[in-house]
Amino acid sequence: MDVCRKIVMLAIVALLWCCNGKDTLLDLYPMEPVVNPEVGVLIDNNRIIHVDFDGRQQISGVTEAGIFMTTDRFRSLDFEPHAWQVSDDVVTFGDGIIVHAQAAGVSFVLQYSTDDGKTWATFGGSIIDERFLAVGSVLPVQLSVAQDGAIWVLCQQGAGRRTLLYRVDLEQQRSALVMEKGEALALDFSFADSLHGWVLYGLPGEGAGRARLLRTENGGRTWNDGAVLEGVEQPAVAAITKDDLLVYYPDGVVFRSADGGTSFASVVVGGRIVACQAVSSGLVYALLENGLAKSTDAGATWTVLDAFVHGISVSGTALDFHGEHAGVVYSADRLFTTNNGGQSWEVLVYPYDYVFK
């Protein structure tokens, strides 16, 4: 009986190794420990919210239950318990800052933290003009931290009454309206630098499926109409340079513009884009539902990377690359890193069975 049992076990092991563990029990029960079991503190009754990568060895971040840091790729880690105190709906992370918009009456308040969410300050001034609030509530749609530390706030008034874009200076405690579009539905926005930016919006009467573009070349002082994109829903825009940008959709359709948004052409990326990051004027990484794609010509052509490690497909909801080679991909319960531009990967956090207590 023991001999038969050993034969069966050897056969199972051989079968698993022949398929490299992909889509097998090795995903949850690897042949040997792959990640440090101590990373369970990040995902056991917890979840990763945001990760900061310095491009070398230090990885830090925020989880729902505390703050973590490692300087040796999670061979060891420091974890400081602290509850995440804000909702995730309208929040953004910048270099050393977290910004959150919280609804308050007919408007909202802007809160920000420079210590990973342990303490919060509130922007003291009124962001939304009284003339807008007099006719209805204004809600935040999206936030973004500019390169100079200012905060962009995309807002919506009513179901298509008005789209607004504000620029908030936290240091000077001042805000300025930089764009107002009547009879519009805010969809998304992105800036390539302090001057060149784009806002995607829809018209209430047209329904879903058509997206319009506004563009500025002077930091929002003036705006011009860009292209109209047909057959699209829930679009996102990613700025690469002052001329190059991508507009992509959950169904996998991707459009690229090389003239600042005046015209677009469809491009094949190799899957549905979850997130996108321009590392330089030519180099762009796209996080797909499973794996990644890479472009070296500002999004004109793409190469799908062979993103597997220990039989696991590299996947996540966010990415953070520093230069061409070093980057991380992560989501609530996993974290991967590469040092060679995605040619190979290391899994640092993953919901293997043995990391849960």
Protein backbone atom coordinates (compact mmCIF):
# COMPACT_ATOMS: atom_id res chain seq x y z
CA MET A 1 0.00 0.00 0.00
CA ASP A 2 2.84 2.39 0.87
CA VAL A 3 4.49 1.66 -2.48
CA CYS A 4 1.26 2.43 -4.36
CA ARG A 5 0.80 5.63 -2.42
CA LYS A 6 4.34 6.75 -3.25
CA ILE A 7 3.84 5.95 -6.94
CA VAL A 8 0.64 7.99 -7.03
CA MET A 9 2.30 10.93 -5.29
CA LEU A 10 5.28 10.86 -7.65
CA ALA A 11 2.94 10.79 -10.64
CA ILE A 12 1.03 13.83 -9.36
CA VAL A 13 4.23 15.76 -8.70
CA ALA A 14 5.55 14.93 -12.16
CA LEU A 15 2.30 16.04 -13.76
CA LEU A 16 2.37 19.36 -11.89
CA TRP A 17 5.96 20.07 -12.85
CA CYS A 18 5.33 19.25 -16.51
CA CYS A 19 2.84 22.11 -16.70
CA ASN A 20 5.04 24.43 -14.62
CA GLY A 21 2.34 24.70 -12.00
CA LYS A 22 0.18 26.97 -14.17
CA ASP A 23 -3.52 26.69 -13.29
CA THR A 24 -2.79 23.83 -10.89
CA LEU A 25 -2.75 23.27 -7.16
CA LEU A 26 0.80 24.64 -7.16
CA ASP A 27 -0.79 28.07 -7.32
CA LEU A 28 -1.92 27.60 -3.71
CA TYR A 29 0.34 24.78 -2.57
CA PRO A 30 3.82 25.31 -4.08
CA MET A 31 6.48 22.61 -3.82
CA GLU A 32 8.48 24.89 -1.51
CA PRO A 33 7.84 28.28 0.14
CA VAL A 34 7.94 31.00 -2.50
CA VAL A 35 7.22 34.09 -0.39
CA ASN A 36 8.06 34.93 3.19
CA PRO A 37 5.12 33.71 5.34
CA GLU A 38 5.38 36.98 7.28
CA VAL A 39 3.73 38.80 4.34
CA GLY A 40 0.49 37.26 5.54
CA VAL A 41 0.10 40.30 7.80
CA LEU A 42 -0.58 42.31 4.62
CA ILE A 43 -3.37 40.11 3.24
CA ASP A 44 -4.72 37.93 6.06
CA ASN A 45 -7.91 39.77 7.09
CA ASN A 46 -6.26 42.74 5.41
CA ARG A 47 -5.68 44.12 1.91
CA ILE A 48 -3.04 46.15 0.13
CA ILE A 49 -4.34 49.60 -0.85
CA HIS A 50 -1.25 51.32 -2.28
CA VAL A 51 2.41 50.50 -2.89
CA ASP A 52 5.40 52.85 -3.31
CA PHE A 53 8.53 51.49 -4.98
CA ASP A 54 11.80 53.44 -5.00
CA GLY A 55 13.17 51.57 -8.02
CA ARG A 56 15.77 49.69 -5.98
CA GLN A 57 15.14 47.69 -2.82
CA GLN A 58 12.71 49.73 -0.73
CA ILE A 59 9.02 48.95 -1.04
CA SER A 60 6.50 50.60 1.25
CA GLY A 61 2.78 51.03 1.27
CA VAL A 62 -0.59 51.28 2.92
CA THR A 63 -2.94 48.47 3.80
CA GLU A 64 -6.39 48.55 5.33
CA ALA A 65 -4.93 47.61 8.70
CA GLY A 66 -1.56 49.36 8.72
CA ILE A 67 1.59 50.66 7.05
CA PHE A 68 4.48 48.50 5.86
CA MET A 69 8.04 48.86 4.58
CA THR A 70 10.76 46.48 3.44
CA THR A 71 14.30 47.19 2.26
CA ASP A 72 15.14 43.63 1.24
CA ARG A 73 12.25 42.51 -0.96
CA PHE A 74 10.20 41.14 1.97
CA ARG A 75 12.86 38.87 3.37
CA SER A 76 11.91 40.97 6.38
CA LEU A 77 9.37 43.75 6.82
CA ASP A 78 8.20 46.36 9.28
CA PHE A 79 4.47 46.64 9.88
CA GLU A 80 2.82 49.43 11.88
CA PRO A 81 -0.83 48.76 12.71
CA HIS A 82 -3.06 51.66 11.79
CA ALA A 83 -6.60 51.54 10.41
CA TRP A 84 -7.27 53.03 6.97
CA GLN A 85 -9.63 55.88 7.79
CA VAL A 86 -11.07 56.92 4.44
CA SER A 87 -13.25 55.40 1.76
CA ASP A 88 -11.60 54.39 -1.49
CA ASP A 89 -14.05 55.94 -3.95
CA VAL A 90 -12.40 59.36 -4.55
CA VAL A 91 -8.80 59.11 -3.39
CA THR A 92 -5.43 59.50 -5.07
CA PHE A 93 -1.80 58.94 -4.15
CA GLY A 94 1.06 61.22 -5.10
CA ASP A 95 4.72 61.52 -4.19
CA GLY A 96 4.57 61.53 -0.39
CA ILE A 97 0.90 62.55 -0.20
CA ILE A 98 -2.57 61.00 -0.11
CA VAL A 99 -5.57 63.11 -1.07
CA HIS A 100 -9.20 62.24 -0.37
CA ALA A 101 -12.43 64.05 -1.25
CA GLN A 102 -15.28 63.56 1.20
CA ALA A 103 -18.85 64.65 0.47
CA ALA A 104 -20.17 67.38 2.79
CA GLY A 105 -23.62 68.86 2.20
CA VAL A 106 -23.92 70.21 -1.33
CA SER A 107 -20.14 70.14 -1.85
CA PHE A 108 -17.13 68.27 -0.44
CA VAL A 109 -14.02 68.76 1.65
CA LEU A 110 -10.50 67.91 0.55
CA GLN A 111 -8.36 66.03 3.07
CA TYR A 112 -4.70 65.16 2.67
CA SER A 113 -2.05 63.20 4.54
CA THR A 114 1.74 63.26 4.31
CA ASP A 115 2.36 60.39 6.75
CA ASP A 116 0.67 57.48 4.95
CA GLY A 117 -2.75 58.21 6.36
CA LYS A 118 -1.88 58.34 10.06
CA THR A 119 -2.96 61.98 10.34
CA TRP A 120 -5.02 64.16 8.02
CA ALA A 121 -5.26 67.87 7.30
CA THR A 122 -8.21 69.61 5.65
CA PHE A 123 -8.01 72.18 2.88
CA GLY A 124 -9.35 75.27 4.59
CA GLY A 125 -10.80 77.24 1.71
CA SER A 126 -13.95 76.74 -0.32
CA ILE A 127 -13.18 74.95 -3.58
CA ILE A 128 -16.45 75.21 -5.48
CA ASP A 129 -17.74 78.66 -6.53
CA GLU A 130 -20.89 79.79 -4.73
CA ARG A 131 -22.61 80.49 -8.05
CA PHE A 132 -22.50 76.75 -8.82
CA LEU A 133 -23.62 75.63 -5.38
CA ALA A 134 -26.57 77.99 -5.57
CA VAL A 135 -28.11 75.82 -8.29
CA GLY A 136 -27.22 72.35 -7.06
CA SER A 137 -24.71 70.08 -5.36
CA VAL A 138 -21.28 69.41 -6.83
CA LEU A 139 -19.56 66.07 -6.30
CA PRO A 140 -15.94 65.03 -6.90
CA VAL A 141 -15.34 62.50 -9.66
CA GLN A 142 -11.57 62.13 -9.81
CA LEU A 143 -8.41 63.49 -8.18
CA SER A 144 -4.85 63.71 -9.42
CA VAL A 145 -1.62 65.08 -7.95
CA ALA A 146 0.26 67.33 -10.39
CA GLN A 147 4.03 67.27 -10.79
CA ASP A 148 4.34 70.52 -8.82
CA GLY A 149 2.23 69.16 -5.95
CA ALA A 150 -1.02 70.90 -6.85
CA ILE A 151 -4.23 68.85 -6.85
CA TRP A 152 -6.50 68.55 -9.88
CA VAL A 153 -10.16 67.94 -8.94
CA LEU A 154 -12.63 66.85 -11.61
CA CYS A 155 -16.21 67.50 -10.49
CA GLN A 156 -19.74 66.88 -11.69
CA GLN A 157 -22.87 68.90 -11.01
CA GLY A 158 -26.08 66.98 -11.49
CA ALA A 159 -26.67 64.28 -14.09
CA GLY A 160 -25.12 66.16 -16.97
CA ARG A 161 -25.72 69.72 -15.83
CA ARG A 162 -22.06 70.77 -15.65
CA THR A 163 -18.49 69.38 -15.56
CA LEU A 164 -15.88 71.38 -13.63
CA LEU A 165 -12.12 71.09 -13.22
CA TYR A 166 -10.34 72.83 -10.33
CA ARG A 167 -6.68 73.25 -9.47
CA VAL A 168 -5.99 73.35 -5.73
CA ASP A 169 -2.79 74.71 -4.20
CA LEU A 170 -2.46 73.10 -0.77
CA GLU A 171 0.53 75.21 0.27
CA GLN A 172 -1.15 78.51 -0.52
CA GLN A 173 -4.60 77.20 0.44
CA ARG A 174 -6.10 78.49 -2.80
CA SER A 175 -8.22 76.95 -5.53
CA ALA A 176 -8.97 78.06 -9.08
CA LEU A 177 -11.56 77.00 -11.63
CA VAL A 178 -9.71 76.02 -14.81
CA MET A 179 -12.49 74.43 -16.86
CA GLU A 180 -16.29 74.62 -17.00
CA LYS A 181 -18.37 72.65 -19.50
CA GLY A 182 -22.14 72.97 -19.40
CA GLU A 183 -24.46 70.08 -20.29
CA ALA A 184 -21.66 67.56 -19.86
CA LEU A 185 -20.91 64.33 -17.99
CA ALA A 186 -17.38 64.02 -16.59
CA LEU A 187 -15.63 60.79 -17.61
CA ASP A 188 -11.87 61.10 -17.04
CA PHE A 189 -8.91 63.45 -17.34
CA SER A 190 -5.11 63.35 -17.58
CA PHE A 191 -2.20 65.79 -17.78
CA ALA A 192 1.14 65.14 -19.46
CA ASP A 193 2.77 68.09 -17.67
CA SER A 194 1.75 71.38 -16.05
CA LEU A 195 0.50 72.77 -19.37
CA HIS A 196 -0.89 69.96 -21.53
CA GLY A 197 -4.02 68.16 -20.40
CA TRP A 198 -7.21 66.50 -21.59
CA VAL A 199 -10.73 65.99 -20.23
CA LEU A 200 -13.05 63.27 -21.50
CA TYR A 201 -16.77 63.98 -21.22
CA GLY A 202 -20.10 62.87 -22.62
CA LEU A 203 -23.32 64.64 -23.54
CA PRO A 204 -26.44 63.56 -21.61
CA GLY A 205 -28.60 63.51 -24.71
CA GLU A 206 -26.26 61.16 -26.56
CA GLY A 207 -26.24 58.40 -23.95
CA ALA A 208 -23.37 56.00 -23.44
CA GLY A 209 -21.12 55.06 -26.30
CA ARG A 210 -19.71 58.42 -27.38
CA ALA A 211 -16.86 60.31 -25.72
CA ARG A 212 -15.74 63.85 -26.46
CA LEU A 213 -12.38 65.42 -25.71
CA LEU A 214 -11.31 68.84 -24.49
CA ARG A 215 -7.61 69.79 -24.53
CA THR A 216 -5.49 72.57 -23.12
CA GLU A 217 -1.94 73.63 -23.94
CA ASN A 218 -1.59 76.36 -21.31
CA GLY A 219 -2.49 74.77 -17.99
CA GLY A 220 -6.23 75.26 -18.37
CA ARG A 221 -6.41 78.94 -19.27
CA THR A 222 -8.05 78.01 -22.59
CA TRP A 223 -9.57 74.78 -23.90
CA ASN A 224 -10.21 73.50 -27.42
CA ASP A 225 -12.41 70.71 -28.74
CA GLY A 226 -10.62 67.51 -29.67
CA ALA A 227 -11.80 64.33 -31.32
CA VAL A 228 -15.14 62.57 -30.80
CA LEU A 229 -14.80 58.82 -30.20
CA GLU A 230 -17.69 56.52 -31.11
CA GLY A 231 -18.78 53.17 -29.71
CA VAL A 232 -17.10 53.55 -26.33
CA GLU A 233 -18.24 53.23 -22.73
CA GLN A 234 -16.42 53.99 -19.46
CA PRO A 235 -13.31 55.35 -21.21
CA ALA A 236 -10.03 56.25 -19.53
CA VAL A 237 -7.36 58.59 -20.88
CA ALA A 238 -3.61 58.25 -20.28
CA ALA A 239 -1.27 61.09 -21.24
CA ILE A 240 2.17 60.11 -22.56
CA THR A 241 3.57 63.36 -23.97
CA LYS A 242 2.09 66.71 -24.98
CA ASP A 243 1.19 65.11 -28.32
CA ASP A 244 0.72 61.41 -27.54
CA LEU A 245 -2.14 59.97 -25.50
CA LEU A 246 -4.20 56.80 -25.20
CA VAL A 247 -7.92 56.37 -24.65
CA TYR A 248 -8.93 52.86 -23.64
CA TYR A 249 -12.08 51.02 -22.58
CA PRO A 250 -12.99 47.97 -20.45
CA ASP A 251 -13.86 45.93 -23.53
CA GLY A 252 -10.26 46.08 -24.81
CA VAL A 253 -10.59 48.81 -27.44
CA VAL A 254 -7.62 51.21 -27.43
CA PHE A 255 -7.19 54.43 -29.40
CA ARG A 256 -4.01 56.45 -29.75
CA SER A 257 -3.49 60.07 -30.75
CA ALA A 258 -0.18 61.51 -31.93
CA ASP A 259 -1.47 65.06 -32.48
CA GLY A 260 -2.66 66.06 -29.03
CA GLY A 261 -6.13 64.55 -29.34
CA THR A 262 -7.22 66.05 -32.65
CA SER A 263 -7.44 62.61 -34.24
CA PHE A 264 -7.17 59.00 -33.08
CA ALA A 265 -6.37 55.61 -34.58
CA SER A 266 -7.06 52.21 -33.04
CA VAL A 267 -4.09 50.17 -31.82
CA VAL A 268 -3.75 46.56 -30.71
CA VAL A 269 -2.27 46.21 -27.24
CA GLY A 270 -2.89 42.51 -26.64
CA GLY A 271 -5.59 42.55 -23.98
CA ARG A 272 -7.83 44.68 -21.81
CA ILE A 273 -5.93 47.50 -20.13
CA VAL A 274 -6.38 47.76 -16.36
CA ALA A 275 -3.85 50.57 -15.82
CA CYS A 276 -1.27 52.39 -17.88
CA GLN A 277 1.96 54.23 -17.06
CA ALA A 278 4.19 56.34 -19.30
CA VAL A 279 7.73 55.94 -17.99
CA SER A 280 9.27 58.27 -20.58
CA SER A 281 8.30 60.00 -23.82
CA GLY A 282 8.52 56.69 -25.66
CA LEU A 283 8.27 53.92 -23.08
CA VAL A 284 4.82 52.91 -21.86
CA TYR A 285 3.72 49.94 -19.77
CA ALA A 286 0.13 48.68 -19.83
CA LEU A 287 -1.14 46.37 -17.10
CA LEU A 288 -3.56 43.89 -18.67
CA GLU A 289 -6.15 41.63 -17.06
CA ASN A 290 -3.48 38.96 -17.19
CA GLY A 291 0.09 40.07 -17.82
CA LEU A 292 1.59 43.23 -19.23
CA ALA A 293 2.30 44.89 -22.54
CA LYS A 294 5.13 47.26 -23.38
CA SER A 295 5.53 49.99 -25.99
CA THR A 296 8.76 51.77 -26.90
CA ASP A 297 7.21 54.15 -29.45
CA ALA A 298 4.70 56.10 -27.32
CA GLY A 299 1.95 53.52 -27.71
CA ALA A 300 2.01 53.05 -31.49
CA THR A 301 3.01 49.35 -31.28
CA TRP A 302 2.98 46.93 -28.38
CA THR A 303 4.68 43.73 -27.24
CA VAL A 304 2.93 41.43 -24.77
CA LEU A 305 5.38 40.31 -22.09
CA ASP A 306 5.68 36.71 -20.94
CA ALA A 307 4.61 37.60 -17.42
CA PHE A 308 4.65 34.36 -15.44
CA VAL A 309 6.49 33.35 -12.30
CA HIS A 310 6.21 30.03 -10.43
CA GLY A 311 3.30 29.14 -12.70
CA ILE A 312 1.37 32.28 -11.76
CA SER A 313 0.25 34.93 -14.22
CA VAL A 314 1.43 38.39 -13.16
CA SER A 315 -1.77 40.34 -12.53
CA GLY A 316 -3.03 43.22 -10.46
CA THR A 317 -4.87 46.52 -10.41
CA ALA A 318 -1.91 48.95 -10.35
CA LEU A 319 1.71 49.26 -11.46
CA ASP A 320 4.64 51.47 -10.54
CA PHE A 321 7.74 51.55 -12.78
CA HIS A 322 10.92 53.55 -12.25
CA GLY A 323 12.76 53.81 -15.53
CA GLU A 324 12.76 51.11 -18.15
CA HIS A 325 13.70 48.16 -15.96
CA ALA A 326 12.47 48.29 -12.35
CA GLY A 327 8.79 48.08 -11.47
CA VAL A 328 6.08 46.47 -9.38
CA VAL A 329 2.58 45.20 -10.13
CA TYR A 330 0.13 44.70 -7.28
CA SER A 331 -3.44 44.35 -6.10
CA ALA A 332 -5.18 43.72 -2.79
CA ASP A 333 -3.55 40.32 -2.15
CA ARG A 334 -0.45 40.12 -4.38
CA LEU A 335 2.71 41.94 -5.39
CA PHE A 336 5.21 41.18 -8.16
CA THR A 337 8.45 42.90 -9.13
CA THR A 338 10.80 42.95 -12.11
CA ASN A 339 14.33 44.30 -12.53
CA ASN A 340 14.64 43.83 -16.28
CA GLY A 341 11.63 45.48 -17.86
CA GLY A 342 9.32 42.51 -17.49
CA GLN A 343 11.56 39.82 -18.98
CA SER A 344 11.40 37.97 -15.66
CA TRP A 345 9.47 38.44 -12.42
CA GLU A 346 9.66 37.74 -8.71
CA VAL A 347 6.57 37.17 -6.59
CA LEU A 348 6.86 38.93 -3.24
CA VAL A 349 3.30 38.68 -1.90
CA TYR A 350 0.73 36.10 -2.94
CA PRO A 351 -2.24 34.36 -1.26
CA TYR A 352 -0.57 30.99 -0.92
CA ASP A 353 -2.35 28.83 1.61
CA TYR A 354 0.64 28.77 3.96
CA VAL A 355 0.77 32.58 4.45
CA PHE A 356 -2.62 32.54 6.20
CA LYS A 357 -2.63 31.73 9.86
